[in-house]
Amino acid sequence: MRSKIVDVEGNDDVWLCGGKYGYGIMDKRTGKGDYIKRFWSDNEVASGKPETFQSNDGAVDKRGRFFLCTISDPLSLHRTDGEHLLPQANTFPGS
């Protein structure tokens, strides 16, 4: 599984990370983490949708928003805004 990890301003103990199923927080010392927002609904998980996707790449913009791309067909772009996690599921047709 690929993931993207970024530092959290004001908290040196954790990383914000993007993984197969959504956004999570990972403890830097222990390596333990938990998802804090999942990309997929319970129905989508039950249908196997996450199994066809993987996190590909991510970046943080000047405003501190974390963008994470999941790849498959369709391509999806998810975004967080500060403390409010708001996946903006913009989909693009696969190429």
PDB file of N, CA and C in Angstrom:
ATOM      1  N   MET A   1       0.842  -1.182   0.000  1.00  0.00           N
ATOM      2  CA  MET A   1       0.000   0.000   0.000  1.00  0.00           C
ATOM      3  C   MET A   1       0.881   1.237   0.000  1.00  0.00           C
ATOM      4  N   ARG A   2       0.604   2.177  -0.866  1.00  0.00           N
ATOM      5  CA  ARG A   2       1.296   3.455  -0.865  1.00  0.00           C
ATOM      6  C   ARG A   2       0.576   4.400   0.076  1.00  0.00           C
ATOM      7  N   SER A   3       1.330   5.340   0.611  1.00  0.00           N
ATOM      8  CA  SER A   3       0.710   6.372   1.429  1.00  0.00           C
ATOM      9  C   SER A   3       1.511   7.647   1.294  1.00  0.00           C
ATOM     10  N   LYS A   4       0.931   8.735   1.726  1.00  0.00           N
ATOM     11  CA  LYS A   4       1.570  10.040   1.739  1.00  0.00           C
ATOM     12  C   LYS A   4       1.514  10.537   3.168  1.00  0.00           C
ATOM     13  N   ILE A   5       2.663  11.000   3.701  1.00  0.00           N
ATOM     14  CA  ILE A   5       2.751  11.447   5.084  1.00  0.00           C
ATOM     15  C   ILE A   5       3.225  12.887   5.110  1.00  0.00           C
ATOM     16  N   VAL A   6       2.564  13.731   5.923  1.00  0.00           N
ATOM     17  CA  VAL A   6       2.968  15.127   6.079  1.00  0.00           C
ATOM     18  C   VAL A   6       2.975  15.485   7.564  1.00  0.00           C
ATOM     19  N   ASP A   7       3.815  16.461   7.912  1.00  0.00           N
ATOM     20  CA  ASP A   7       3.853  16.957   9.282  1.00  0.00           C
ATOM     21  C   ASP A   7       2.595  17.749   9.601  1.00  0.00           C
ATOM     22  N   VAL A   8       2.265  17.797  10.887  1.00  0.00           N
ATOM     23  CA  VAL A   8       1.121  18.569  11.361  1.00  0.00           C
ATOM     24  C   VAL A   8       1.670  19.767  12.124  1.00  0.00           C
ATOM     25  N   GLU A   9       1.385  20.970  11.635  1.00  0.00           N
ATOM     26  CA  GLU A   9       1.876  22.181  12.286  1.00  0.00           C
ATOM     27  C   GLU A   9       1.395  22.246  13.725  1.00  0.00           C
ATOM     28  N   GLY A  10       2.333  22.496  14.641  1.00  0.00           N
ATOM     29  CA  GLY A  10       1.986  22.627  16.054  1.00  0.00           C
ATOM     30  C   GLY A  10       1.928  21.319  16.810  1.00  0.00           C
ATOM     31  N   ASN A  11       2.159  20.192  16.135  1.00  0.00           N
ATOM     32  CA  ASN A  11       2.139  18.890  16.800  1.00  0.00           C
ATOM     33  C   ASN A  11       3.287  18.055  16.250  1.00  0.00           C
ATOM     34  N   ASP A  12       4.387  18.005  17.003  1.00  0.00           N
ATOM     35  CA  ASP A  12       5.571  17.280  16.547  1.00  0.00           C
ATOM     36  C   ASP A  12       5.489  15.781  16.803  1.00  0.00           C
ATOM     37  N   ASP A  13       4.411  15.310  17.420  1.00  0.00           N
ATOM     38  CA  ASP A  13       4.305  13.901  17.793  1.00  0.00           C
ATOM     39  C   ASP A  13       3.616  13.025  16.750  1.00  0.00           C
ATOM     40  N   VAL A  14       2.931  13.644  15.776  1.00  0.00           N
ATOM     41  CA  VAL A  14       2.154  12.857  14.815  1.00  0.00           C
ATOM     42  C   VAL A  14       2.362  13.332  13.387  1.00  0.00           C
ATOM     43  N   TRP A  15       2.000  12.466  12.466  1.00  0.00           N
ATOM     44  CA  TRP A  15       1.908  12.798  11.049  1.00  0.00           C
ATOM     45  C   TRP A  15       0.455  12.667  10.617  1.00  0.00           C
ATOM     46  N   LEU A  16       0.043  13.463   9.650  1.00  0.00           N
ATOM     47  CA  LEU A  16      -1.202  13.246   8.931  1.00  0.00           C
ATOM     48  C   LEU A  16      -0.828  12.416   7.716  1.00  0.00           C
ATOM     49  N   CYS A  17      -1.550  11.352   7.487  1.00  0.00           N
ATOM     50  CA  CYS A  17      -1.180  10.485   6.377  1.00  0.00           C
ATOM     51  C   CYS A  17      -2.412  10.098   5.567  1.00  0.00           C
ATOM     52  N   GLY A  18      -2.153   9.827   4.327  1.00  0.00           N
ATOM     53  CA  GLY A  18      -3.190   9.331   3.439  1.00  0.00           C
ATOM     54  C   GLY A  18      -2.892   7.886   3.110  1.00  0.00           C
ATOM     55  N   GLY A  19      -3.878   7.048   3.219  1.00  0.00           N
ATOM     56  CA  GLY A  19      -3.698   5.629   2.938  1.00  0.00           C
ATOM     57  C   GLY A  19      -4.788   5.107   2.031  1.00  0.00           C
ATOM     58  N   LYS A  20      -4.881   3.819   1.936  1.00  0.00           N
ATOM     59  CA  LYS A  20      -5.824   3.174   1.031  1.00  0.00           C
ATOM     60  C   LYS A  20      -7.277   3.543   1.327  1.00  0.00           C
ATOM     61  N   TYR A  21      -7.622   3.674   2.607  1.00  0.00           N
ATOM     62  CA  TYR A  21      -9.019   3.865   2.982  1.00  0.00           C
ATOM     63  C   TYR A  21      -9.382   5.288   3.391  1.00  0.00           C
ATOM     64  N   GLY A  22      -8.381   6.191   3.527  1.00  0.00           N
ATOM     65  CA  GLY A  22      -8.692   7.562   3.913  1.00  0.00           C
ATOM     66  C   GLY A  22      -7.523   8.253   4.576  1.00  0.00           C
ATOM     67  N   TYR A  23      -7.846   9.281   5.378  1.00  0.00           N
ATOM     68  CA  TYR A  23      -6.842  10.055   6.111  1.00  0.00           C
ATOM     69  C   TYR A  23      -6.683   9.486   7.502  1.00  0.00           C
ATOM     70  N   GLY A  24      -5.458   9.525   8.002  1.00  0.00           N
ATOM     71  CA  GLY A  24      -5.211   9.043   9.348  1.00  0.00           C
ATOM     72  C   GLY A  24      -4.169   9.878  10.060  1.00  0.00           C
ATOM     73  N   ILE A  25      -4.046   9.627  11.344  1.00  0.00           N
ATOM     74  CA  ILE A  25      -3.015  10.228  12.171  1.00  0.00           C
ATOM     75  C   ILE A  25      -2.116   9.081  12.638  1.00  0.00           C
ATOM     76  N   MET A  26      -0.799   9.274  12.502  1.00  0.00           N
ATOM     77  CA  MET A  26       0.156   8.254  12.918  1.00  0.00           C
ATOM     78  C   MET A  26       1.097   8.841  13.962  1.00  0.00           C
ATOM     79  N   ASP A  27       1.281   8.119  15.065  1.00  0.00           N
ATOM     80  CA  ASP A  27       2.202   8.507  16.115  1.00  0.00           C
ATOM     81  C   ASP A  27       3.623   8.257  15.632  1.00  0.00           C
ATOM     82  N   LYS A  28       4.479   9.287  15.653  1.00  0.00           N
ATOM     83  CA  LYS A  28       5.846   9.165  15.142  1.00  0.00           C
ATOM     84  C   LYS A  28       6.700   8.216  15.975  1.00  0.00           C
ATOM     85  N   ARG A  29       6.455   8.139  17.267  1.00  0.00           N
ATOM     86  CA  ARG A  29       7.276   7.284  18.132  1.00  0.00           C
ATOM     87  C   ARG A  29       6.891   5.815  18.034  1.00  0.00           C
ATOM     88  N   THR A  30       5.597   5.539  18.019  1.00  0.00           N
ATOM     89  CA  THR A  30       5.148   4.143  18.063  1.00  0.00           C
ATOM     90  C   THR A  30       4.844   3.562  16.688  1.00  0.00           C
ATOM     91  N   GLY A  31       4.569   4.441  15.714  1.00  0.00           N
ATOM     92  CA  GLY A  31       4.172   3.967  14.390  1.00  0.00           C
ATOM     93  C   GLY A  31       2.716   3.540  14.313  1.00  0.00           C
ATOM     94  N   LYS A  32       1.998   3.648  15.425  1.00  0.00           N
ATOM     95  CA  LYS A  32       0.586   3.267  15.435  1.00  0.00           C
ATOM     96  C   LYS A  32      -0.263   4.402  14.890  1.00  0.00           C
ATOM     97  N   GLY A  33      -1.319   4.041  14.190  1.00  0.00           N
ATOM     98  CA  GLY A  33      -2.179   5.058  13.617  1.00  0.00           C
ATOM     99  C   GLY A  33      -3.618   4.608  13.535  1.00  0.00           C
ATOM    100  N   ASP A  34      -4.467   5.563  13.304  1.00  0.00           N
ATOM    101  CA  ASP A  34      -5.893   5.319  13.132  1.00  0.00           C
ATOM    102  C   ASP A  34      -6.418   6.220  12.038  1.00  0.00           C
ATOM    103  N   TYR A  35      -7.372   5.706  11.293  1.00  0.00           N
ATOM    104  CA  TYR A  35      -8.060   6.548  10.312  1.00  0.00           C
ATOM    105  C   TYR A  35      -8.926   7.550  11.049  1.00  0.00           C
ATOM    106  N   ILE A  36      -8.932   8.790  10.563  1.00  0.00           N
ATOM    107  CA  ILE A  36      -9.791   9.818  11.150  1.00  0.00           C
ATOM    108  C   ILE A  36     -10.897  10.218  10.184  1.00  0.00           C
ATOM    109  N   LYS A  37     -10.736   9.897   8.924  1.00  0.00           N
ATOM    110  CA  LYS A  37     -11.782  10.125   7.923  1.00  0.00           C
ATOM    111  C   LYS A  37     -11.567   9.133   6.793  1.00  0.00           C
ATOM    112  N   ARG A  38     -12.585   8.347   6.512  1.00  0.00           N
ATOM    113  CA  ARG A  38     -12.490   7.362   5.428  1.00  0.00           C
ATOM    114  C   ARG A  38     -13.066   7.937   4.141  1.00  0.00           C
ATOM    115  N   PHE A  39     -12.480   7.538   3.018  1.00  0.00           N
ATOM    116  CA  PHE A  39     -12.960   7.972   1.705  1.00  0.00           C
ATOM    117  C   PHE A  39     -14.282   7.318   1.338  1.00  0.00           C
ATOM    118  N   TRP A  40     -14.450   6.076   1.738  1.00  0.00           N
ATOM    119  CA  TRP A  40     -15.532   5.252   1.203  1.00  0.00           C
ATOM    120  C   TRP A  40     -16.621   5.025   2.242  1.00  0.00           C
ATOM    121  N   SER A  41     -17.862   5.027   1.797  1.00  0.00           N
ATOM    122  CA  SER A  41     -18.995   4.729   2.676  1.00  0.00           C
ATOM    123  C   SER A  41     -18.988   3.236   3.014  1.00  0.00           C
ATOM    124  N   ASP A  42     -19.774   2.867   4.020  1.00  0.00           N
ATOM    125  CA  ASP A  42     -19.878   1.446   4.386  1.00  0.00           C
ATOM    126  C   ASP A  42     -20.351   0.609   3.201  1.00  0.00           C
ATOM    127  N   ASN A  43     -21.296   1.135   2.414  1.00  0.00           N
ATOM    128  CA  ASN A  43     -21.794   0.408   1.245  1.00  0.00           C
ATOM    129  C   ASN A  43     -20.705   0.218   0.198  1.00  0.00           C
ATOM    130  N   GLU A  44     -19.874   1.254  -0.011  1.00  0.00           N
ATOM    131  CA  GLU A  44     -18.779   1.143  -0.984  1.00  0.00           C
ATOM    132  C   GLU A  44     -17.742   0.128  -0.520  1.00  0.00           C
ATOM    133  N   VAL A  45     -17.456   0.103   0.786  1.00  0.00           N
ATOM    134  CA  VAL A  45     -16.516  -0.883   1.323  1.00  0.00           C
ATOM    135  C   VAL A  45     -17.071  -2.291   1.135  1.00  0.00           C
ATOM    136  N   ALA A  46     -18.367  -2.463   1.447  1.00  0.00           N
ATOM    137  CA  ALA A  46     -18.999  -3.779   1.302  1.00  0.00           C
ATOM    138  C   ALA A  46     -18.984  -4.257  -0.146  1.00  0.00           C
ATOM    139  N   SER A  47     -19.044  -3.321  -1.097  1.00  0.00           N
ATOM    140  CA  SER A  47     -19.039  -3.702  -2.512  1.00  0.00           C
ATOM    141  C   SER A  47     -17.625  -3.959  -3.044  1.00  0.00           C
ATOM    142  N   GLY A  48     -16.605  -3.700  -2.198  1.00  0.00           N
ATOM    143  CA  GLY A  48     -15.228  -3.955  -2.620  1.00  0.00           C
ATOM    144  C   GLY A  48     -14.552  -2.797  -3.330  1.00  0.00           C
ATOM    145  N   LYS A  49     -15.198  -1.636  -3.367  1.00  0.00           N
ATOM    146  CA  LYS A  49     -14.629  -0.494  -4.093  1.00  0.00           C
ATOM    147  C   LYS A  49     -13.196  -0.159  -3.674  1.00  0.00           C
ATOM    148  N   PRO A  50     -12.871  -0.101  -2.374  1.00  0.00           N
ATOM    149  CA  PRO A  50     -11.502   0.274  -2.002  1.00  0.00           C
ATOM    150  C   PRO A  50     -10.430  -0.678  -2.533  1.00  0.00           C
ATOM    151  N   GLU A  51     -10.803  -1.903  -2.821  1.00  0.00           N
ATOM    152  CA  GLU A  51      -9.813  -2.875  -3.288  1.00  0.00           C
ATOM    153  C   GLU A  51      -9.293  -2.539  -4.675  1.00  0.00           C
ATOM    154  N   THR A  52     -10.003  -1.699  -5.420  1.00  0.00           N
ATOM    155  CA  THR A  52      -9.551  -1.336  -6.761  1.00  0.00           C
ATOM    156  C   THR A  52      -8.810  -0.006  -6.778  1.00  0.00           C
ATOM    157  N   PHE A  53      -8.657   0.630  -5.616  1.00  0.00           N
ATOM    158  CA  PHE A  53      -8.017   1.936  -5.527  1.00  0.00           C
ATOM    159  C   PHE A  53      -6.758   1.859  -4.683  1.00  0.00           C
ATOM    160  N   GLN A  54      -5.873   2.836  -4.870  1.00  0.00           N
ATOM    161  CA  GLN A  54      -4.747   3.034  -3.969  1.00  0.00           C
ATOM    162  C   GLN A  54      -4.410   4.517  -3.927  1.00  0.00           C
ATOM    163  N   SER A  55      -3.889   4.970  -2.783  1.00  0.00           N
ATOM    164  CA  SER A  55      -3.404   6.342  -2.705  1.00  0.00           C
ATOM    165  C   SER A  55      -2.161   6.433  -3.561  1.00  0.00           C
ATOM    166  N   ASN A  56      -2.073   7.492  -4.328  1.00  0.00           N
ATOM    167  CA  ASN A  56      -0.953   7.626  -5.242  1.00  0.00           C
ATOM    168  C   ASN A  56       0.003   8.725  -4.824  1.00  0.00           C
ATOM    169  N   ASP A  57      -0.502   9.906  -4.606  1.00  0.00           N
ATOM    170  CA  ASP A  57       0.360  11.039  -4.297  1.00  0.00           C
ATOM    171  C   ASP A  57      -0.436  12.075  -3.535  1.00  0.00           C
ATOM    172  N   GLY A  58       0.262  12.945  -2.842  1.00  0.00           N
ATOM    173  CA  GLY A  58      -0.398  13.992  -2.099  1.00  0.00           C
ATOM    174  C   GLY A  58       0.492  15.203  -1.964  1.00  0.00           C
ATOM    175  N   ALA A  59      -0.103  16.303  -1.586  1.00  0.00           N
ATOM    176  CA  ALA A  59       0.637  17.545  -1.398  1.00  0.00           C
ATOM    177  C   ALA A  59      -0.155  18.466  -0.490  1.00  0.00           C
ATOM    178  N   VAL A  60       0.557  19.401   0.132  1.00  0.00           N
ATOM    179  CA  VAL A  60      -0.065  20.423   0.963  1.00  0.00           C
ATOM    180  C   VAL A  60       0.100  21.758   0.263  1.00  0.00           C
ATOM    181  N   ASP A  61      -0.997  22.517   0.147  1.00  0.00           N
ATOM    182  CA  ASP A  61      -0.902  23.821  -0.507  1.00  0.00           C
ATOM    183  C   ASP A  61      -0.551  24.907   0.510  1.00  0.00           C
ATOM    184  N   LYS A  62      -0.423  26.135   0.052  1.00  0.00           N
ATOM    185  CA  LYS A  62      -0.029  27.263   0.903  1.00  0.00           C
ATOM    186  C   LYS A  62      -1.015  27.539   2.022  1.00  0.00           C
ATOM    187  N   ARG A  63      -2.245  27.104   1.854  1.00  0.00           N
ATOM    188  CA  ARG A  63      -3.283  27.318   2.872  1.00  0.00           C
ATOM    189  C   ARG A  63      -3.355  26.171   3.874  1.00  0.00           C
ATOM    190  N   GLY A  64      -2.473  25.181   3.735  1.00  0.00           N
ATOM    191  CA  GLY A  64      -2.440  24.068   4.671  1.00  0.00           C
ATOM    192  C   GLY A  64      -3.400  22.945   4.357  1.00  0.00           C
ATOM    193  N   ARG A  65      -3.995  22.968   3.182  1.00  0.00           N
ATOM    194  CA  ARG A  65      -4.922  21.896   2.787  1.00  0.00           C
ATOM    195  C   ARG A  65      -4.119  20.745   2.207  1.00  0.00           C
ATOM    196  N   PHE A  66      -4.469  19.547   2.605  1.00  0.00           N
ATOM    197  CA  PHE A  66      -3.787  18.330   2.161  1.00  0.00           C
ATOM    198  C   PHE A  66      -4.631  17.693   1.062  1.00  0.00           C
ATOM    199  N   PHE A  67      -4.060  17.587  -0.109  1.00  0.00           N
ATOM    200  CA  PHE A  67      -4.718  16.958  -1.252  1.00  0.00           C
ATOM    201  C   PHE A  67      -4.138  15.567  -1.425  1.00  0.00           C
ATOM    202  N   LEU A  68      -4.978  14.593  -1.665  1.00  0.00           N
ATOM    203  CA  LEU A  68      -4.540  13.224  -1.860  1.00  0.00           C
ATOM    204  C   LEU A  68      -5.289  12.628  -3.046  1.00  0.00           C
ATOM    205  N   CYS A  69      -4.551  12.020  -3.933  1.00  0.00           N
ATOM    206  CA  CYS A  69      -5.126  11.408  -5.123  1.00  0.00           C
ATOM    207  C   CYS A  69      -5.203   9.897  -4.928  1.00  0.00           C
ATOM    208  N   THR A  70      -6.334   9.315  -5.276  1.00  0.00           N
ATOM    209  CA  THR A  70      -6.445   7.859  -5.334  1.00  0.00           C
ATOM    210  C   THR A  70      -6.575   7.484  -6.796  1.00  0.00           C
ATOM    211  N   ILE A  71      -5.893   6.411  -7.182  1.00  0.00           N
ATOM    212  CA  ILE A  71      -5.902   6.032  -8.592  1.00  0.00           C
ATOM    213  C   ILE A  71      -6.616   4.720  -8.819  1.00  0.00           C
ATOM    214  N   SER A  72      -7.234   4.645  -9.913  1.00  0.00           N
ATOM    215  CA  SER A  72      -7.906   3.510 -10.522  1.00  0.00           C
ATOM    216  C   SER A  72      -8.797   4.126 -11.584  1.00  0.00           C
ATOM    217  N   ASP A  73      -9.968   3.589 -11.788  1.00  0.00           N
ATOM    218  CA  ASP A  73     -10.879   4.179 -12.755  1.00  0.00           C
ATOM    219  C   ASP A  73     -12.233   4.336 -12.055  1.00  0.00           C
ATOM    220  N   PRO A  74     -12.638   5.522 -11.692  1.00  0.00           N
ATOM    221  CA  PRO A  74     -12.049   6.812 -12.050  1.00  0.00           C
ATOM    222  C   PRO A  74     -10.998   7.252 -11.041  1.00  0.00           C
ATOM    223  N   LEU A  75     -10.180   8.204 -11.450  1.00  0.00           N
ATOM    224  CA  LEU A  75      -9.219   8.877 -10.582  1.00  0.00           C
ATOM    225  C   LEU A  75     -10.000   9.786  -9.649  1.00  0.00           C
ATOM    226  N   SER A  76      -9.618   9.853  -8.369  1.00  0.00           N
ATOM    227  CA  SER A  76     -10.313  10.711  -7.409  1.00  0.00           C
ATOM    228  C   SER A  76      -9.326  11.617  -6.703  1.00  0.00           C
ATOM    229  N   LEU A  77      -9.743  12.826  -6.420  1.00  0.00           N
ATOM    230  CA  LEU A  77      -8.937  13.784  -5.679  1.00  0.00           C
ATOM    231  C   LEU A  77      -9.678  14.137  -4.406  1.00  0.00           C
ATOM    232  N   HIS A  78      -9.020  13.955  -3.263  1.00  0.00           N
ATOM    233  CA  HIS A  78      -9.617  14.228  -1.957  1.00  0.00           C
ATOM    234  C   HIS A  78      -8.840  15.354  -1.295  1.00  0.00           C
ATOM    235  N   ARG A  79      -9.506  16.139  -0.426  1.00  0.00           N
ATOM    236  CA  ARG A  79      -8.867  17.301   0.184  1.00  0.00           C
ATOM    237  C   ARG A  79      -9.297  17.456   1.639  1.00  0.00           C
ATOM    238  N   THR A  80      -8.350  17.899   2.471  1.00  0.00           N
ATOM    239  CA  THR A  80      -8.685  18.300   3.834  1.00  0.00           C
ATOM    240  C   THR A  80      -8.521  19.803   3.934  1.00  0.00           C
ATOM    241  N   ASP A  81      -9.247  20.411   4.843  1.00  0.00           N
ATOM    242  CA  ASP A  81      -9.124  21.839   5.130  1.00  0.00           C
ATOM    243  C   ASP A  81      -8.904  22.005   6.631  1.00  0.00           C
ATOM    244  N   GLY A  82      -7.655  22.180   7.040  1.00  0.00           N
ATOM    245  CA  GLY A  82      -7.345  22.383   8.451  1.00  0.00           C
ATOM    246  C   GLY A  82      -7.886  21.261   9.310  1.00  0.00           C
ATOM    247  N   GLU A  83      -8.576  21.616  10.378  1.00  0.00           N
ATOM    248  CA  GLU A  83      -9.122  20.616  11.293  1.00  0.00           C
ATOM    249  C   GLU A  83     -10.393  19.974  10.745  1.00  0.00           C
ATOM    250  N   HIS A  84     -11.002  20.598   9.762  1.00  0.00           N
ATOM    251  CA  HIS A  84     -12.233  20.072   9.191  1.00  0.00           C
ATOM    252  C   HIS A  84     -11.883  19.217   7.985  1.00  0.00           C
ATOM    253  N   LEU A  85     -12.096  17.940   8.082  1.00  0.00           N
ATOM    254  CA  LEU A  85     -11.748  17.024   7.001  1.00  0.00           C
ATOM    255  C   LEU A  85     -12.902  16.959   6.019  1.00  0.00           C
ATOM    256  N   LEU A  86     -12.659  17.463   4.828  1.00  0.00           N
ATOM    257  CA  LEU A  86     -13.705  17.567   3.831  1.00  0.00           C
ATOM    258  C   LEU A  86     -13.263  16.902   2.541  1.00  0.00           C
ATOM    259  N   PRO A  87     -13.426  15.596   2.413  1.00  0.00           N
ATOM    260  CA  PRO A  87     -13.064  14.992   1.145  1.00  0.00           C
ATOM    261  C   PRO A  87     -13.918  15.575   0.020  1.00  0.00           C
ATOM    262  N   GLN A  88     -13.292  16.171  -0.915  1.00  0.00           N
ATOM    263  CA  GLN A  88     -13.967  16.708  -2.095  1.00  0.00           C
ATOM    264  C   GLN A  88     -13.788  15.677  -3.194  1.00  0.00           C
ATOM    265  N   ALA A  89     -14.675  14.752  -3.299  1.00  0.00           N
ATOM    266  CA  ALA A  89     -14.516  13.631  -4.221  1.00  0.00           C
ATOM    267  C   ALA A  89     -14.765  14.094  -5.659  1.00  0.00           C
ATOM    268  N   ASN A  90     -13.757  14.720  -6.212  1.00  0.00           N
ATOM    269  CA  ASN A  90     -13.814  15.118  -7.617  1.00  0.00           C
ATOM    270  C   ASN A  90     -13.289  13.956  -8.430  1.00  0.00           C
ATOM    271  N   THR A  91     -14.053  13.466  -9.358  1.00  0.00           N
ATOM    272  CA  THR A  91     -13.606  12.327 -10.129  1.00  0.00           C
ATOM    273  C   THR A  91     -13.305  12.750 -11.557  1.00  0.00           C
ATOM    274  N   PHE A  92     -12.324  12.076 -12.116  1.00  0.00           N
ATOM    275  CA  PHE A  92     -11.881  12.349 -13.473  1.00  0.00           C
ATOM    276  C   PHE A  92     -11.887  11.031 -14.227  1.00  0.00           C
ATOM    277  N   PRO A  93     -12.263  11.022 -15.473  1.00  0.00           N
ATOM    278  CA  PRO A  93     -12.250   9.762 -16.222  1.00  0.00           C
ATOM    279  C   PRO A  93     -10.835   9.217 -16.336  1.00  0.00           C
ATOM    280  N   GLY A  94     -10.684   7.909 -16.213  1.00  0.00           N
ATOM    281  CA  GLY A  94      -9.370   7.274 -16.353  1.00  0.00           C
ATOM    282  C   GLY A  94      -8.870   7.419 -17.781  1.00  0.00           C
ATOM    283  N   SER A  95      -7.571   7.359 -17.901  1.00  0.00           N
ATOM    284  CA  SER A  95      -7.005   7.503 -19.248  1.00  0.00           C
ATOM    285  C   SER A  95      -6.549   6.172 -19.791  1.00  0.00           C
TER     286      SER A  95
END
